[in-house]
PDB file of all heavy atoms in Angstrom:
ATOM      1  N   ARG A   1      12.067   4.722  -5.145  1.00  0.00           N
ATOM      2  CA  ARG A   1      11.890   5.624  -4.017  1.00  0.00           C
ATOM      3  C   ARG A   1      10.426   6.053  -4.026  1.00  0.00           C
ATOM      4  O   ARG A   1       9.960   6.676  -4.977  1.00  0.00           O
ATOM      5  CB  ARG A   1      12.796   6.848  -4.152  1.00  0.00           C
ATOM      6  CG  ARG A   1      12.704   7.835  -2.993  1.00  0.00           C
ATOM      7  CD  ARG A   1      13.446   9.117  -3.301  1.00  0.00           C
ATOM      8  NE  ARG A   1      14.866   8.900  -3.511  1.00  0.00           N
ATOM      9  CZ  ARG A   1      15.486   9.085  -4.674  1.00  0.00           C
ATOM     10  NH1 ARG A   1      14.794   9.470  -5.731  1.00  0.00           N
ATOM     11  NH2 ARG A   1      16.770   8.874  -4.793  1.00  0.00           N
ATOM     12  N   VAL A   2       9.667   5.677  -3.003  1.00  0.00           N
ATOM     13  CA  VAL A   2       8.230   5.943  -2.996  1.00  0.00           C
ATOM     14  C   VAL A   2       7.797   6.544  -1.661  1.00  0.00           C
ATOM     15  O   VAL A   2       8.426   6.321  -0.635  1.00  0.00           O
ATOM     16  CB  VAL A   2       7.402   4.657  -3.246  1.00  0.00           C
ATOM     17  CG1 VAL A   2       7.612   4.144  -4.645  1.00  0.00           C
ATOM     18  CG2 VAL A   2       7.738   3.577  -2.213  1.00  0.00           C
ATOM     19  N   ILE A   3       6.714   7.299  -1.718  1.00  0.00           N
ATOM     20  CA  ILE A   3       6.070   7.777  -0.496  1.00  0.00           C
ATOM     21  C   ILE A   3       4.789   6.971  -0.324  1.00  0.00           C
ATOM     22  O   ILE A   3       3.958   6.918  -1.232  1.00  0.00           O
ATOM     23  CB  ILE A   3       5.781   9.291  -0.556  1.00  0.00           C
ATOM     24  CG1 ILE A   3       4.969   9.729   0.666  1.00  0.00           C
ATOM     25  CG2 ILE A   3       5.075   9.695  -1.835  1.00  0.00           C
ATOM     26  CD1 ILE A   3       4.786  11.230   0.772  1.00  0.00           C
ATOM     27  N   LYS A   4       4.667   6.305   0.829  1.00  0.00           N
ATOM     28  CA  LYS A   4       3.520   5.436   1.072  1.00  0.00           C
ATOM     29  C   LYS A   4       3.134   5.485   2.543  1.00  0.00           C
ATOM     30  O   LYS A   4       3.921   5.873   3.412  1.00  0.00           O
ATOM     31  CB  LYS A   4       3.842   3.982   0.698  1.00  0.00           C
ATOM     32  CG  LYS A   4       4.067   3.749  -0.785  1.00  0.00           C
ATOM     33  CD  LYS A   4       2.824   4.013  -1.610  1.00  0.00           C
ATOM     34  CE  LYS A   4       3.095   3.875  -3.100  1.00  0.00           C
ATOM     35  NZ  LYS A   4       1.924   4.246  -3.919  1.00  0.00           N
ATOM     36  N   ARG A   5       1.918   5.069   2.826  1.00  0.00           N
ATOM     37  CA  ARG A   5       1.446   4.908   4.195  1.00  0.00           C
ATOM     38  C   ARG A   5       1.718   3.468   4.594  1.00  0.00           C
ATOM     39  O   ARG A   5       1.222   2.532   3.959  1.00  0.00           O
ATOM     40  CB  ARG A   5      -0.039   5.233   4.294  1.00  0.00           C
ATOM     41  CG  ARG A   5      -0.599   5.236   5.710  1.00  0.00           C
ATOM     42  CD  ARG A   5      -1.867   6.065   5.776  1.00  0.00           C
ATOM     43  NE  ARG A   5      -1.590   7.477   5.475  1.00  0.00           N
ATOM     44  CZ  ARG A   5      -2.537   8.399   5.311  1.00  0.00           C
ATOM     45  NH1 ARG A   5      -3.802   8.075   5.415  1.00  0.00           N
ATOM     46  NH2 ARG A   5      -2.207   9.657   5.048  1.00  0.00           N
ATOM     47  N   LEU A   6       2.515   3.281   5.639  1.00  0.00           N
ATOM     48  CA  LEU A   6       2.930   1.933   6.024  1.00  0.00           C
ATOM     49  C   LEU A   6       1.931   1.288   6.969  1.00  0.00           C
ATOM     50  O   LEU A   6       1.465   1.916   7.929  1.00  0.00           O
ATOM     51  CB  LEU A   6       4.310   1.958   6.676  1.00  0.00           C
ATOM     52  CG  LEU A   6       5.477   2.393   5.776  1.00  0.00           C
ATOM     53  CD1 LEU A   6       6.804   2.222   6.512  1.00  0.00           C
ATOM     54  CD2 LEU A   6       5.493   1.607   4.472  1.00  0.00           C
ATOM     55  N   GLN A   7       1.608   0.035   6.671  1.00  0.00           N
ATOM     56  CA  GLN A   7       0.737  -0.773   7.506  1.00  0.00           C
ATOM     57  C   GLN A   7       1.429  -2.106   7.786  1.00  0.00           C
ATOM     58  O   GLN A   7       2.393  -2.476   7.113  1.00  0.00           O
ATOM     59  CB  GLN A   7      -0.618  -1.011   6.824  1.00  0.00           C
ATOM     60  CG  GLN A   7      -1.407   0.245   6.519  1.00  0.00           C
ATOM     61  CD  GLN A   7      -1.981   0.900   7.768  1.00  0.00           C
ATOM     62  OE1 GLN A   7      -1.799   0.438   8.885  1.00  0.00           O
ATOM     63  NE2 GLN A   7      -2.686   2.013   7.574  1.00  0.00           N
ATOM     64  N   ARG A   8       0.918  -2.812   8.772  1.00  0.00           N
ATOM     65  CA  ARG A   8       1.484  -4.112   9.105  1.00  0.00           C
ATOM     66  C   ARG A   8       1.158  -5.109   7.996  1.00  0.00           C
ATOM     67  O   ARG A   8       0.032  -5.174   7.496  1.00  0.00           O
ATOM     68  CB  ARG A   8       0.917  -4.605  10.433  1.00  0.00           C
ATOM     69  CG  ARG A   8       1.714  -5.742  11.075  1.00  0.00           C
ATOM     70  CD  ARG A   8       1.039  -6.178  12.365  1.00  0.00           C
ATOM     71  NE  ARG A   8       0.851  -5.062  13.279  1.00  0.00           N
ATOM     72  CZ  ARG A   8       1.775  -4.631  14.126  1.00  0.00           C
ATOM     73  NH1 ARG A   8       2.957  -5.229  14.167  1.00  0.00           N
ATOM     74  NH2 ARG A   8       1.526  -3.617  14.933  1.00  0.00           N
ATOM     75  N   SER A   9       2.156  -5.879   7.584  1.00  0.00           N
ATOM     76  CA  SER A   9       1.972  -6.853   6.511  1.00  0.00           C
ATOM     77  C   SER A   9       1.734  -8.247   7.073  1.00  0.00           C
ATOM     78  O   SER A   9       2.191  -8.582   8.174  1.00  0.00           O
ATOM     79  CB  SER A   9       3.210  -6.876   5.603  1.00  0.00           C
ATOM     80  OG  SER A   9       3.125  -7.921   4.649  1.00  0.00           O
ATOM     81  N   ASP A  10       1.012  -9.062   6.309  1.00  0.00           N
ATOM     82  CA  ASP A  10       0.826 -10.466   6.679  1.00  0.00           C
ATOM     83  C   ASP A  10       2.067 -11.291   6.372  1.00  0.00           C
ATOM     84  O   ASP A  10       2.198 -12.417   6.855  1.00  0.00           O
ATOM     85  CB  ASP A  10      -0.380 -11.065   5.922  1.00  0.00           C
ATOM     86  CG  ASP A  10      -1.701 -10.442   6.366  1.00  0.00           C
ATOM     87  OD1 ASP A  10      -1.776 -10.005   7.535  1.00  0.00           O
ATOM     88  OD2 ASP A  10      -2.634 -10.402   5.556  1.00  0.00           O
ATOM     89  N   MET A  11       2.963 -10.726   5.566  1.00  0.00           N
ATOM     90  CA  MET A  11       4.207 -11.415   5.220  1.00  0.00           C
ATOM     91  C   MET A  11       5.298 -11.073   6.232  1.00  0.00           C
ATOM     92  O   MET A  11       5.505  -9.899   6.553  1.00  0.00           O
ATOM     93  CB  MET A  11       4.657 -11.032   3.809  1.00  0.00           C
ATOM     94  CG  MET A  11       3.709 -11.470   2.709  1.00  0.00           C
ATOM     95  SD  MET A  11       4.332 -11.045   1.051  1.00  0.00           S
ATOM     96  CE  MET A  11       5.870 -11.993   1.027  1.00  0.00           C
ATOM     97  N   LYS A  12       5.972 -12.055   6.732  1.00  0.00           N
ATOM     98  CA  LYS A  12       7.022 -11.856   7.725  1.00  0.00           C
ATOM     99  C   LYS A  12       8.174 -11.044   7.127  1.00  0.00           C
ATOM    100  O   LYS A  12       8.607 -11.296   6.009  1.00  0.00           O
ATOM    101  CB  LYS A  12       7.540 -13.200   8.220  1.00  0.00           C
ATOM    102  CG  LYS A  12       8.554 -13.087   9.348  1.00  0.00           C
ATOM    103  CD  LYS A  12       8.969 -14.453   9.850  1.00  0.00           C
ATOM    104  CE  LYS A  12       9.984 -14.329  10.979  1.00  0.00           C
ATOM    105  NZ  LYS A  12      10.425 -15.656  11.478  1.00  0.00           N
ATOM    106  N   GLY A  13       8.650 -10.082   7.884  1.00  0.00           N
ATOM    107  CA  GLY A  13       9.782  -9.266   7.443  1.00  0.00           C
ATOM    108  C   GLY A  13       9.429  -8.247   6.394  1.00  0.00           C
ATOM    109  O   GLY A  13      10.315  -7.741   5.697  1.00  0.00           O
ATOM    110  N   CYS A  14       8.138  -7.918   6.277  1.00  0.00           N
ATOM    111  CA  CYS A  14       7.702  -6.954   5.263  1.00  0.00           C
ATOM    112  C   CYS A  14       6.820  -5.872   5.864  1.00  0.00           C
ATOM    113  O   CYS A  14       6.249  -6.054   6.949  1.00  0.00           O
ATOM    114  CB  CYS A  14       6.919  -7.659   4.144  1.00  0.00           C
ATOM    115  SG  CYS A  14       7.899  -8.746   3.106  1.00  0.00           S
ATOM    116  N   TRP A  15       6.737  -4.745   5.160  1.00  0.00           N
ATOM    117  CA  TRP A  15       5.733  -3.732   5.438  1.00  0.00           C
ATOM    118  C   TRP A  15       4.739  -3.736   4.290  1.00  0.00           C
ATOM    119  O   TRP A  15       5.086  -4.075   3.155  1.00  0.00           O
ATOM    120  CB  TRP A  15       6.356  -2.336   5.517  1.00  0.00           C
ATOM    121  CG  TRP A  15       7.226  -2.101   6.705  1.00  0.00           C
ATOM    122  CD1 TRP A  15       6.996  -2.486   7.992  1.00  0.00           C
ATOM    123  CD2 TRP A  15       8.473  -1.386   6.728  1.00  0.00           C
ATOM    124  NE1 TRP A  15       8.013  -2.071   8.817  1.00  0.00           N
ATOM    125  CE2 TRP A  15       8.934  -1.388   8.057  1.00  0.00           C
ATOM    126  CE3 TRP A  15       9.233  -0.760   5.757  1.00  0.00           C
ATOM    127  CZ2 TRP A  15      10.129  -0.788   8.441  1.00  0.00           C
ATOM    128  CZ3 TRP A  15      10.425  -0.153   6.122  1.00  0.00           C
ATOM    129  CH2 TRP A  15      10.860  -0.168   7.451  1.00  0.00           C
ATOM    130  N   LEU A  16       3.517  -3.356   4.568  1.00  0.00           N
ATOM    131  CA  LEU A  16       2.528  -3.178   3.526  1.00  0.00           C
ATOM    132  C   LEU A  16       2.514  -1.692   3.162  1.00  0.00           C
ATOM    133  O   LEU A  16       2.169  -0.852   3.989  1.00  0.00           O
ATOM    134  CB  LEU A  16       1.145  -3.636   3.992  1.00  0.00           C
ATOM    135  CG  LEU A  16       0.049  -3.637   2.926  1.00  0.00           C
ATOM    136  CD1 LEU A  16       0.371  -4.644   1.829  1.00  0.00           C
ATOM    137  CD2 LEU A  16      -1.314  -3.943   3.560  1.00  0.00           C
ATOM    138  N   ALA A  17       2.912  -1.388   1.932  1.00  0.00           N
ATOM    139  CA  ALA A  17       2.982  -0.006   1.464  1.00  0.00           C
ATOM    140  C   ALA A  17       1.665   0.357   0.789  1.00  0.00           C
ATOM    141  O   ALA A  17       1.317  -0.221  -0.243  1.00  0.00           O
ATOM    142  CB  ALA A  17       4.149   0.163   0.495  1.00  0.00           C
ATOM    143  N   CYS A  18       0.953   1.304   1.366  1.00  0.00           N
ATOM    144  CA  CYS A  18      -0.401   1.621   0.900  1.00  0.00           C
ATOM    145  C   CYS A  18      -0.480   3.042   0.342  1.00  0.00           C
ATOM    146  O   CYS A  18       0.222   3.948   0.797  1.00  0.00           O
ATOM    147  CB  CYS A  18      -1.403   1.492   2.043  1.00  0.00           C
ATOM    148  SG  CYS A  18      -1.416  -0.141   2.835  1.00  0.00           S
ATOM    149  N   SER A  19      -1.361   3.215  -0.644  1.00  0.00           N
ATOM    150  CA  SER A  19      -1.673   4.529  -1.186  1.00  0.00           C
ATOM    151  C   SER A  19      -2.943   5.044  -0.522  1.00  0.00           C
ATOM    152  O   SER A  19      -3.709   4.274   0.052  1.00  0.00           O
ATOM    153  CB  SER A  19      -1.862   4.445  -2.703  1.00  0.00           C
ATOM    154  OG  SER A  19      -0.715   3.908  -3.331  1.00  0.00           O
ATOM    155  N   VAL A  20      -3.176   6.339  -0.624  1.00  0.00           N
ATOM    156  CA  VAL A  20      -4.414   6.905  -0.078  1.00  0.00           C
ATOM    157  C   VAL A  20      -5.423   7.224  -1.181  1.00  0.00           C
ATOM    158  O   VAL A  20      -6.592   7.446  -0.907  1.00  0.00           O
ATOM    159  CB  VAL A  20      -4.131   8.172   0.755  1.00  0.00           C
ATOM    160  CG1 VAL A  20      -3.239   7.842   1.938  1.00  0.00           C
ATOM    161  CG2 VAL A  20      -3.506   9.268  -0.090  1.00  0.00           C
ATOM    162  N   ASN A  21      -4.945   7.246  -2.432  1.00  0.00           N
ATOM    163  CA  ASN A  21      -5.834   7.485  -3.566  1.00  0.00           C
ATOM    164  C   ASN A  21      -6.694   6.241  -3.796  1.00  0.00           C
ATOM    165  O   ASN A  21      -6.179   5.155  -4.049  1.00  0.00           O
ATOM    166  CB  ASN A  21      -5.006   7.799  -4.817  1.00  0.00           C
ATOM    167  CG  ASN A  21      -5.864   8.290  -5.969  1.00  0.00           C
ATOM    168  OD1 ASN A  21      -7.022   7.917  -6.104  1.00  0.00           O
ATOM    169  ND2 ASN A  21      -5.282   9.128  -6.815  1.00  0.00           N
ATOM    170  N   GLU A  22      -8.003   6.401  -3.687  1.00  0.00           N
ATOM    171  CA  GLU A  22      -8.918   5.268  -3.797  1.00  0.00           C
ATOM    172  C   GLU A  22      -9.580   5.161  -5.169  1.00  0.00           C
ATOM    173  O   GLU A  22     -10.601   4.487  -5.330  1.00  0.00           O
ATOM    174  CB  GLU A  22      -9.983   5.359  -2.703  1.00  0.00           C
ATOM    175  CG  GLU A  22      -9.403   5.289  -1.299  1.00  0.00           C
ATOM    176  CD  GLU A  22     -10.463   5.348  -0.218  1.00  0.00           C
ATOM    177  OE1 GLU A  22     -11.635   5.676  -0.551  1.00  0.00           O
ATOM    178  OE2 GLU A  22     -10.134   5.079   0.945  1.00  0.00           O
ATOM    179  N   ASP A  23      -9.013   5.805  -6.188  1.00  0.00           N
ATOM    180  CA  ASP A  23      -9.562   5.703  -7.537  1.00  0.00           C
ATOM    181  C   ASP A  23      -9.506   4.255  -8.019  1.00  0.00           C
ATOM    182  O   ASP A  23      -8.545   3.516  -7.717  1.00  0.00           O
ATOM    183  CB  ASP A  23      -8.770   6.585  -8.506  1.00  0.00           C
ATOM    184  CG  ASP A  23      -9.035   8.063  -8.299  1.00  0.00           C
ATOM    185  OD1 ASP A  23      -9.994   8.383  -7.572  1.00  0.00           O
ATOM    186  OD2 ASP A  23      -8.277   8.889  -8.846  1.00  0.00           O
ATOM    187  N   THR A  24     -10.503   3.861  -8.774  1.00  0.00           N
ATOM    188  CA  THR A  24     -10.568   2.495  -9.303  1.00  0.00           C
ATOM    189  C   THR A  24     -10.660   2.526 -10.821  1.00  0.00           C
ATOM    190  O   THR A  24     -11.030   3.531 -11.436  1.00  0.00           O
ATOM    191  CB  THR A  24     -11.789   1.747  -8.741  1.00  0.00           C
ATOM    192  OG1 THR A  24     -12.982   2.473  -9.079  1.00  0.00           O
ATOM    193  CG2 THR A  24     -11.682   1.618  -7.226  1.00  0.00           C
ATOM    194  N   TRP A  25     -10.333   1.380 -11.427  1.00  0.00           N
ATOM    195  CA  TRP A  25     -10.458   1.240 -12.873  1.00  0.00           C
ATOM    196  C   TRP A  25     -11.941   1.219 -13.241  1.00  0.00           C
ATOM    197  O   TRP A  25     -12.737   0.537 -12.606  1.00  0.00           O
ATOM    198  CB  TRP A  25      -9.788  -0.044 -13.351  1.00  0.00           C
ATOM    199  CG  TRP A  25      -8.313  -0.093 -13.103  1.00  0.00           C
ATOM    200  CD1 TRP A  25      -7.659  -0.767 -12.123  1.00  0.00           C
ATOM    201  CD2 TRP A  25      -7.302   0.570 -13.876  1.00  0.00           C
ATOM    202  NE1 TRP A  25      -6.301  -0.573 -12.208  1.00  0.00           N
ATOM    203  CE2 TRP A  25      -6.053   0.252 -13.282  1.00  0.00           C
ATOM    204  CE3 TRP A  25      -7.323   1.403 -14.996  1.00  0.00           C
ATOM    205  CZ2 TRP A  25      -4.849   0.732 -13.783  1.00  0.00           C
ATOM    206  CZ3 TRP A  25      -6.113   1.878 -15.501  1.00  0.00           C
ATOM    207  CH2 TRP A  25      -4.896   1.537 -14.896  1.00  0.00           C
ATOM    208  N   GLU A  26     -12.306   1.978 -14.261  1.00  0.00           N
ATOM    209  CA  GLU A  26     -13.710   2.069 -14.640  1.00  0.00           C
ATOM    210  C   GLU A  26     -14.122   1.029 -15.669  1.00  0.00           C
ATOM    211  O   GLU A  26     -15.275   0.601 -15.694  1.00  0.00           O
ATOM    212  CB  GLU A  26     -14.005   3.471 -15.204  1.00  0.00           C
ATOM    213  CG  GLU A  26     -13.830   4.583 -14.172  1.00  0.00           C
ATOM    214  CD  GLU A  26     -14.163   5.945 -14.741  1.00  0.00           C
ATOM    215  OE1 GLU A  26     -14.490   6.013 -15.955  1.00  0.00           O
ATOM    216  OE2 GLU A  26     -14.091   6.939 -13.995  1.00  0.00           O
ATOM    217  N   LYS A  27     -13.181   0.597 -16.507  1.00  0.00           N
ATOM    218  CA  LYS A  27     -13.523  -0.327 -17.583  1.00  0.00           C
ATOM    219  C   LYS A  27     -12.511  -1.459 -17.665  1.00  0.00           C
ATOM    220  O   LYS A  27     -11.462  -1.423 -17.033  1.00  0.00           O
ATOM    221  CB  LYS A  27     -13.570   0.418 -18.933  1.00  0.00           C
ATOM    222  CG  LYS A  27     -14.583   1.547 -19.004  1.00  0.00           C
ATOM    223  CD  LYS A  27     -14.526   2.229 -20.354  1.00  0.00           C
ATOM    224  CE  LYS A  27     -15.521   3.377 -20.446  1.00  0.00           C
ATOM    225  NZ  LYS A  27     -15.453   4.071 -21.767  1.00  0.00           N
TER     226      LYS A  27
END
């Protein structure tokens, strides 16, 4: 069970579930 921002997916029959946190791995 997740909370995500939904975007259109390139895969048929799917949604692209996106996060808003833009933190990246540092090392």
